[in-house]
Amino acid sequence: MAERFLPFMDKIVPADNVKYIKCQTLIARGPRMVMTPIFRNLMKRIDGERALFVVNNSAWSENGKPLFNWPALFRRVARIGVPHSNIYPISPIIREECRRVLSKSAGPDLLAPIDWPPAFKIEDFPFAPRTHLTAPVVIGRHGRDHDGKWLEDAEELRAAYPCRTDIVVKIMGGAETVKKRLGALPSNWVVEPFGTTGVGDYLSQLDVFVNFPARTRDEAFGRTIIEAVLSGLPVILPPAFEPTFGDLALYCEPHQVSGLIDRLVSDDHGRIHYINACRREAAERFGSHTLLKRLKTRDTDGTYSPTLDGGSQAFRRRMMGESAPETNVTA
């Protein structure tokens, strides 16, 4: 069970203990769970007026292993028989995967017009942007340590987290995969396991959030990215994330990270304006207060990407431009 659910253990009821539930709206999160016999039997004891089935992961793992089958999921949801049942992708990336697969097969049209991303308690992430970025600039990310969370190519991995005397790479969650791929951790890396500090405390130690998972991984969403945005960090990601996060991040290839960091350091005023706009948009889009609003907008197309004001967009273009020189200082 994910650590974020532990505070709610007193509210979690094992499926075997459920006798009967009557509700207006059922929210079921996790396609593999929906496909299990346990869930099928549980639904016989639930009387709901409406059901939302949230797909929070790709149908395939990064190594190509099938995790669930899209057409079978749609058939299962249709057979469950709850009135007004729909399938909600967690992000535009998963929505596009669904459309791509289902375009080749016939089945019930249950795809909802809006996505159902995670919701965040905004107050859990104090907004504390750095007034000035000075050396050493601390970059990093928090997340599980496994093959899919790190770039496969050693040269790209080194470039995404530059080994420079004026940069510190601080990771929470482990980096054994990096050791395997590079032979050893670069000299400017500091790695902490989960539990050493809370996520908010960890993010308060960073200047820039950088996250480059494996190219073979279709990241369904990326909770850690929104946590970083809410905390006041500029976020650097590969372009594959743009359909989901829109203007909330700066996108580049691994070899461009170093130069992008330099440009961020050179424009404190623009950075502060930008991350304030990012925080407002992220809170409006992903705050926990949006849950009830989503329930009321089920027939409205809500798949648009986060968009910021003109000044913030101009800042993003400058930061992601190719004209600024890149700095290489080998540690």
Protein backbone atom coordinates (compact mmCIF):
# COMPACT_ATOMS: atom_id res chain seq x y z
CA MET A 1 0.00 0.00 0.00
CA ALA A 2 1.29 3.45 -0.92
CA GLU A 3 2.61 5.49 2.00
CA ARG A 4 0.15 8.33 1.35
CA PHE A 5 -2.75 6.00 2.27
CA LEU A 6 -1.38 5.04 5.69
CA PRO A 7 -3.04 7.96 7.57
CA PHE A 8 -6.41 6.63 6.37
CA MET A 9 -6.07 3.03 7.50
CA ASP A 10 -8.99 3.45 9.91
CA LYS A 11 -11.22 4.30 6.94
CA ILE A 12 -10.14 1.38 4.71
CA VAL A 13 -12.47 -1.64 4.71
CA PRO A 14 -11.33 -4.99 3.21
CA ALA A 15 -13.58 -6.13 0.37
CA ASP A 16 -14.53 -9.31 2.22
CA ASN A 17 -15.98 -7.22 5.06
CA VAL A 18 -18.37 -5.28 2.82
CA LYS A 19 -21.98 -6.43 3.24
CA TYR A 20 -23.88 -3.81 1.25
CA ILE A 21 -23.22 -0.27 0.03
CA LYS A 22 -25.71 2.17 -1.46
CA CYS A 23 -24.23 5.32 -2.97
CA GLN A 24 -24.85 8.05 -5.49
CA THR A 25 -21.38 7.88 -7.05
CA LEU A 26 -18.81 5.08 -6.98
CA ILE A 27 -15.20 5.92 -7.86
CA ALA A 28 -13.07 2.85 -8.67
CA ARG A 29 -9.39 3.57 -9.30
CA GLY A 30 -7.12 1.01 -10.97
CA PRO A 31 -7.90 -1.03 -14.13
CA ARG A 32 -6.17 -4.19 -12.92
CA MET A 33 -8.26 -4.13 -9.76
CA VAL A 34 -11.48 -3.73 -11.76
CA MET A 35 -10.61 -6.86 -13.77
CA THR A 36 -10.24 -9.12 -10.71
CA PRO A 37 -12.85 -11.67 -9.55
CA ILE A 38 -12.77 -10.02 -6.11
CA PHE A 39 -13.97 -6.71 -7.56
CA ARG A 40 -16.58 -8.44 -9.71
CA ASN A 41 -18.02 -10.11 -6.62
CA LEU A 42 -17.79 -6.89 -4.60
CA MET A 43 -19.89 -5.04 -7.18
CA LYS A 44 -22.78 -7.43 -6.52
CA ARG A 45 -23.02 -5.78 -3.09
CA ILE A 46 -22.83 -2.17 -4.28
CA ASP A 47 -25.90 -0.27 -5.42
CA GLY A 48 -24.78 2.92 -7.16
CA GLU A 49 -26.45 5.51 -9.37
CA ARG A 50 -23.24 6.35 -11.19
CA ALA A 51 -19.72 4.88 -11.48
CA LEU A 52 -16.38 6.43 -12.42
CA PHE A 53 -13.66 3.95 -13.36
CA VAL A 54 -10.29 5.74 -13.29
CA VAL A 55 -7.46 4.33 -15.41
CA ASN A 56 -4.29 5.40 -13.61
CA ASN A 57 -1.64 3.46 -15.55
CA SER A 58 -0.72 2.36 -19.05
CA ALA A 59 -1.86 -1.02 -20.33
CA TRP A 60 1.81 -1.98 -20.69
CA SER A 61 4.88 -1.81 -18.48
CA GLU A 62 8.08 -0.21 -19.78
CA ASN A 63 9.36 -3.65 -20.85
CA GLY A 64 6.21 -4.31 -22.88
CA LYS A 65 4.51 -6.64 -20.42
CA PRO A 66 0.69 -6.39 -20.63
CA LEU A 67 -0.90 -5.07 -17.43
CA PHE A 68 -4.50 -5.01 -18.60
CA ASN A 69 -6.49 -5.10 -21.85
CA TRP A 70 -8.39 -1.99 -22.94
CA PRO A 71 -11.26 -3.70 -24.82
CA ALA A 72 -11.69 -6.21 -21.97
CA LEU A 73 -11.83 -3.35 -19.45
CA PHE A 74 -14.60 -1.62 -21.41
CA ARG A 75 -16.55 -4.87 -21.65
CA ARG A 76 -16.16 -5.50 -17.92
CA VAL A 77 -17.39 -2.01 -17.00
CA ALA A 78 -20.39 -2.40 -19.33
CA ARG A 79 -21.29 -5.76 -17.76
CA ILE A 80 -21.06 -4.43 -14.19
CA GLY A 81 -24.31 -2.65 -14.92
CA VAL A 82 -24.11 0.53 -12.85
CA PRO A 83 -26.12 3.26 -14.61
CA HIS A 84 -24.11 6.13 -16.05
CA SER A 85 -20.77 4.28 -15.91
CA ASN A 86 -17.76 5.86 -17.62
CA ILE A 87 -14.04 5.24 -17.89
CA TYR A 88 -11.85 8.22 -16.97
CA PRO A 89 -8.18 8.36 -18.04
CA ILE A 90 -5.89 9.92 -15.45
CA SER A 91 -4.20 12.09 -18.10
CA PRO A 92 -4.11 12.99 -21.82
CA ILE A 93 -1.34 10.41 -22.30
CA ILE A 94 -3.58 7.57 -21.11
CA ARG A 95 -6.56 8.99 -23.05
CA GLU A 96 -4.55 8.92 -26.27
CA GLU A 97 -3.41 5.34 -25.57
CA CYS A 98 -7.04 4.33 -25.03
CA ARG A 99 -8.20 5.94 -28.26
CA ARG A 100 -5.34 4.40 -30.21
CA VAL A 101 -6.13 0.88 -29.01
CA LEU A 102 -9.92 1.13 -29.24
CA SER A 103 -9.79 2.53 -32.77
CA LYS A 104 -8.90 -1.02 -33.84
CA SER A 105 -11.73 -2.76 -32.02
CA ALA A 106 -15.47 -2.43 -31.55
CA GLY A 107 -16.94 -2.09 -28.09
CA PRO A 108 -19.10 0.03 -25.79
CA ASP A 109 -18.37 3.77 -25.93
CA LEU A 110 -17.76 4.50 -22.25
CA LEU A 111 -14.83 6.93 -22.47
CA ALA A 112 -15.60 10.03 -20.38
CA PRO A 113 -15.08 13.47 -21.95
CA ILE A 114 -12.86 14.65 -19.07
CA ASP A 115 -9.74 13.24 -17.44
CA TRP A 116 -9.55 12.38 -13.74
CA PRO A 117 -6.07 13.40 -12.49
CA PRO A 118 -5.00 13.05 -8.85
CA ALA A 119 -6.14 15.72 -6.41
CA PHE A 120 -3.75 17.40 -3.98
CA LYS A 121 -4.14 19.08 -0.61
CA ILE A 122 -2.54 22.37 -1.52
CA GLU A 123 -1.75 23.22 2.10
CA ASP A 124 0.55 20.18 2.32
CA PHE A 125 3.02 21.93 0.00
CA PRO A 126 4.10 25.36 1.31
CA PHE A 127 4.98 27.71 -1.52
CA ALA A 128 8.54 28.80 -0.83
CA PRO A 129 10.32 29.83 -4.04
CA ARG A 130 13.97 30.86 -3.96
CA THR A 131 14.35 34.63 -4.36
CA HIS A 132 17.75 34.08 -5.99
CA LEU A 133 19.37 31.00 -7.49
CA THR A 134 23.04 30.85 -6.56
CA ALA A 135 25.72 28.17 -6.84
CA PRO A 136 25.58 25.40 -6.06
CA VAL A 137 22.19 24.98 -7.68
CA VAL A 138 20.46 21.97 -6.12
CA ILE A 139 18.47 19.84 -8.56
CA GLY A 140 16.77 16.53 -8.01
CA ARG A 141 13.65 14.40 -7.90
CA HIS A 142 11.87 12.07 -5.50
CA GLY A 143 10.45 8.74 -6.56
CA ARG A 144 10.82 5.01 -6.52
CA ASP A 145 14.12 3.56 -7.69
CA HIS A 146 13.56 1.07 -10.49
CA ASP A 147 14.49 0.71 -14.15
CA GLY A 148 11.52 2.67 -15.48
CA LYS A 149 12.31 5.77 -13.42
CA TRP A 150 15.73 6.48 -14.97
CA LEU A 151 16.96 7.01 -18.52
CA GLU A 152 18.33 3.81 -20.05
CA ASP A 153 21.26 5.38 -21.91
CA ALA A 154 24.23 6.21 -19.66
CA GLU A 155 25.25 9.30 -21.66
CA GLU A 156 21.73 10.72 -21.54
CA LEU A 157 21.44 9.95 -17.83
CA ARG A 158 24.65 11.88 -17.10
CA ALA A 159 23.43 14.80 -19.22
CA ALA A 160 20.00 15.00 -17.57
CA TYR A 161 21.61 15.36 -14.12
CA PRO A 162 24.80 17.29 -14.97
CA CYS A 163 28.03 16.56 -13.11
CA ARG A 164 29.22 20.13 -12.52
CA THR A 165 30.96 21.79 -9.59
CA ASP A 166 28.19 24.41 -9.42
CA ILE A 167 25.36 21.83 -9.34
CA VAL A 168 24.34 19.38 -6.61
CA VAL A 169 22.05 16.48 -7.53
CA LYS A 170 19.93 15.53 -4.52
CA ILE A 171 17.73 12.44 -4.87
CA MET A 172 15.16 11.02 -2.47
CA GLY A 173 14.06 7.42 -2.95
CA GLY A 174 17.28 5.65 -3.91
CA ALA A 175 19.54 5.49 -6.97
CA GLU A 176 20.80 1.90 -7.22
CA THR A 177 19.63 1.82 -10.84
CA VAL A 178 21.87 4.80 -11.58
CA LYS A 179 24.84 3.01 -10.01
CA LYS A 180 24.22 0.02 -12.26
CA ARG A 181 23.95 2.11 -15.41
CA LEU A 182 26.86 4.46 -14.71
CA GLY A 183 29.12 2.13 -12.72
CA ALA A 184 29.10 4.57 -9.78
CA LEU A 185 27.25 7.65 -8.65
CA PRO A 186 28.69 10.93 -9.97
CA SER A 187 30.65 12.94 -7.40
CA ASN A 188 27.99 15.65 -7.03
CA TRP A 189 25.14 13.27 -6.14
CA VAL A 190 23.54 12.99 -2.68
CA VAL A 191 20.99 10.19 -2.28
CA GLU A 192 18.52 9.72 0.57
CA PRO A 193 16.07 6.84 1.10
CA PHE A 194 12.38 7.49 1.57
CA GLY A 195 11.55 8.20 5.19
CA THR A 196 14.64 10.31 5.91
CA THR A 197 12.45 13.40 5.64
CA GLY A 198 8.99 14.30 4.40
CA VAL A 199 8.32 15.19 0.78
CA GLY A 200 7.69 18.85 1.61
CA ASP A 201 10.95 19.12 3.56
CA TYR A 202 12.85 17.42 0.74
CA LEU A 203 11.43 19.73 -1.93
CA SER A 204 12.32 22.77 0.20
CA GLN A 205 15.99 21.78 -0.25
CA LEU A 206 15.84 21.92 -4.07
CA ASP A 207 16.20 24.83 -6.47
CA VAL A 208 15.05 23.01 -9.62
CA PHE A 209 13.08 19.77 -10.06
CA VAL A 210 14.42 17.54 -12.86
CA ASN A 211 12.71 14.29 -13.84
CA PHE A 212 13.71 12.16 -16.83
CA PRO A 213 12.27 8.62 -16.62
CA ALA A 214 13.03 5.82 -19.08
CA ARG A 215 12.12 6.64 -22.66
CA THR A 216 10.23 3.34 -22.87
CA ARG A 217 7.98 4.32 -19.97
CA ASP A 218 4.56 5.86 -20.62
CA GLU A 219 4.23 7.82 -17.39
CA ALA A 220 0.51 7.98 -16.69
CA PHE A 221 0.70 11.21 -14.70
CA GLY A 222 3.47 12.09 -12.26
CA ARG A 223 2.33 13.14 -8.78
CA THR A 224 5.82 14.24 -7.82
CA ILE A 225 5.80 16.82 -10.62
CA ILE A 226 2.74 18.62 -9.27
CA GLU A 227 4.16 18.41 -5.74
CA ALA A 228 7.25 20.23 -7.01
CA VAL A 229 5.21 22.88 -8.84
CA LEU A 230 3.08 23.54 -5.76
CA SER A 231 6.26 23.94 -3.70
CA GLY A 232 7.57 26.72 -5.95
CA LEU A 233 10.13 24.82 -8.04
CA PRO A 234 10.70 25.25 -11.76
CA VAL A 235 10.30 21.80 -13.32
CA ILE A 236 12.37 20.36 -16.19
CA LEU A 237 10.90 17.38 -18.05
CA PRO A 238 11.18 15.54 -21.37
CA PRO A 239 8.68 16.61 -24.06
CA ALA A 240 6.56 13.47 -23.58
CA PHE A 241 5.02 15.10 -20.49
CA GLU A 242 3.77 18.22 -22.29
CA PRO A 243 0.25 16.93 -23.11
CA THR A 244 -0.32 16.41 -19.38
CA PHE A 245 1.40 19.40 -17.79
CA GLY A 246 1.34 22.02 -20.54
CA ASP A 247 2.85 25.34 -19.40
CA LEU A 248 3.61 24.06 -15.89
CA ALA A 249 7.00 22.68 -16.95
CA LEU A 250 10.02 23.42 -19.12
CA TYR A 251 10.67 20.70 -21.71
CA CYS A 252 13.96 19.69 -23.28
CA GLU A 253 16.18 16.77 -24.23
CA PRO A 254 18.73 15.47 -21.70
CA HIS A 255 21.68 17.25 -23.35
CA GLN A 256 19.84 20.59 -23.00
CA VAL A 257 19.29 20.42 -19.23
CA SER A 258 22.61 22.05 -18.35
CA GLY A 259 21.96 25.13 -20.49
CA LEU A 260 18.38 25.41 -19.27
CA ILE A 261 19.57 25.51 -15.66
CA ASP A 262 22.01 28.30 -16.56
CA ARG A 263 19.20 30.33 -18.12
CA LEU A 264 17.02 29.86 -15.02
CA VAL A 265 19.86 31.17 -12.84
CA SER A 266 20.20 34.25 -15.05
CA ASP A 267 16.59 35.45 -14.72
CA ASP A 268 15.33 35.51 -11.13
CA HIS A 269 12.58 38.03 -11.89
CA GLY A 270 11.12 36.02 -14.76
CA ARG A 271 11.44 32.77 -12.81
CA ILE A 272 9.54 34.14 -9.80
CA HIS A 273 6.70 35.41 -12.00
CA TYR A 274 6.56 32.07 -13.81
CA ILE A 275 6.50 29.80 -10.75
CA ASN A 276 3.84 31.96 -9.09
CA ALA A 277 1.68 31.51 -12.18
CA CYS A 278 2.43 27.77 -12.16
CA ARG A 279 1.37 27.45 -8.53
CA ARG A 280 -1.94 29.23 -9.19
CA GLU A 281 -2.74 27.10 -12.23
CA ALA A 282 -1.73 23.85 -10.52
CA ALA A 283 -3.85 24.66 -7.48
CA GLU A 284 -6.83 25.54 -9.66
CA ARG A 285 -6.43 22.42 -11.80
CA PHE A 286 -5.34 19.79 -9.29
CA GLY A 287 -6.43 21.01 -5.84
CA SER A 288 -8.68 18.72 -3.79
CA HIS A 289 -11.45 21.32 -4.05
CA THR A 290 -11.80 20.39 -7.74
CA LEU A 291 -13.25 16.94 -7.01
CA LEU A 292 -16.83 18.13 -6.54
CA LYS A 293 -16.48 20.44 -9.53
CA ARG A 294 -15.43 17.49 -11.69
CA LEU A 295 -18.49 15.52 -10.62
CA LYS A 296 -20.68 18.35 -11.91
CA THR A 297 -18.86 18.72 -15.27
CA ARG A 298 -19.05 15.12 -16.46
CA ASP A 299 -20.55 16.13 -19.82
CA THR A 300 -18.02 18.88 -20.49
CA ASP A 301 -14.77 18.44 -22.40
CA GLY A 302 -12.08 19.11 -19.78
CA THR A 303 -8.98 17.64 -21.41
CA TYR A 304 -7.19 20.94 -22.14
CA SER A 305 -3.58 21.36 -21.00
CA PRO A 306 -2.64 23.80 -18.21
CA THR A 307 -2.08 27.25 -19.74
CA LEU A 308 -0.44 30.35 -18.22
CA ASP A 309 -0.46 34.09 -18.93
CA GLY A 310 1.45 35.67 -21.80
CA GLY A 311 4.39 36.79 -19.65
CA SER A 312 4.89 33.29 -18.29
CA GLN A 313 4.67 31.81 -21.77
CA ALA A 314 7.30 34.26 -23.02
CA PHE A 315 9.56 33.25 -20.11
CA ARG A 316 9.12 29.58 -21.01
CA ARG A 317 10.08 30.25 -24.61
CA ARG A 318 13.24 32.06 -23.51
CA MET A 319 14.18 29.27 -21.14
CA MET A 320 13.62 26.53 -23.71
CA GLY A 321 15.36 28.45 -26.53
CA GLU A 322 18.45 27.09 -28.22
CA SER A 323 20.33 30.38 -28.56
CA ALA A 324 21.83 30.64 -25.07
CA PRO A 325 25.27 29.03 -24.61
CA GLU A 326 25.58 25.98 -22.40
CA THR A 327 28.12 25.72 -19.58
CA ASN A 328 30.12 22.58 -18.87
CA VAL A 329 32.16 22.50 -15.66
CA THR A 330 33.38 18.98 -14.98
CA ALA A 331 33.48 17.89 -11.34
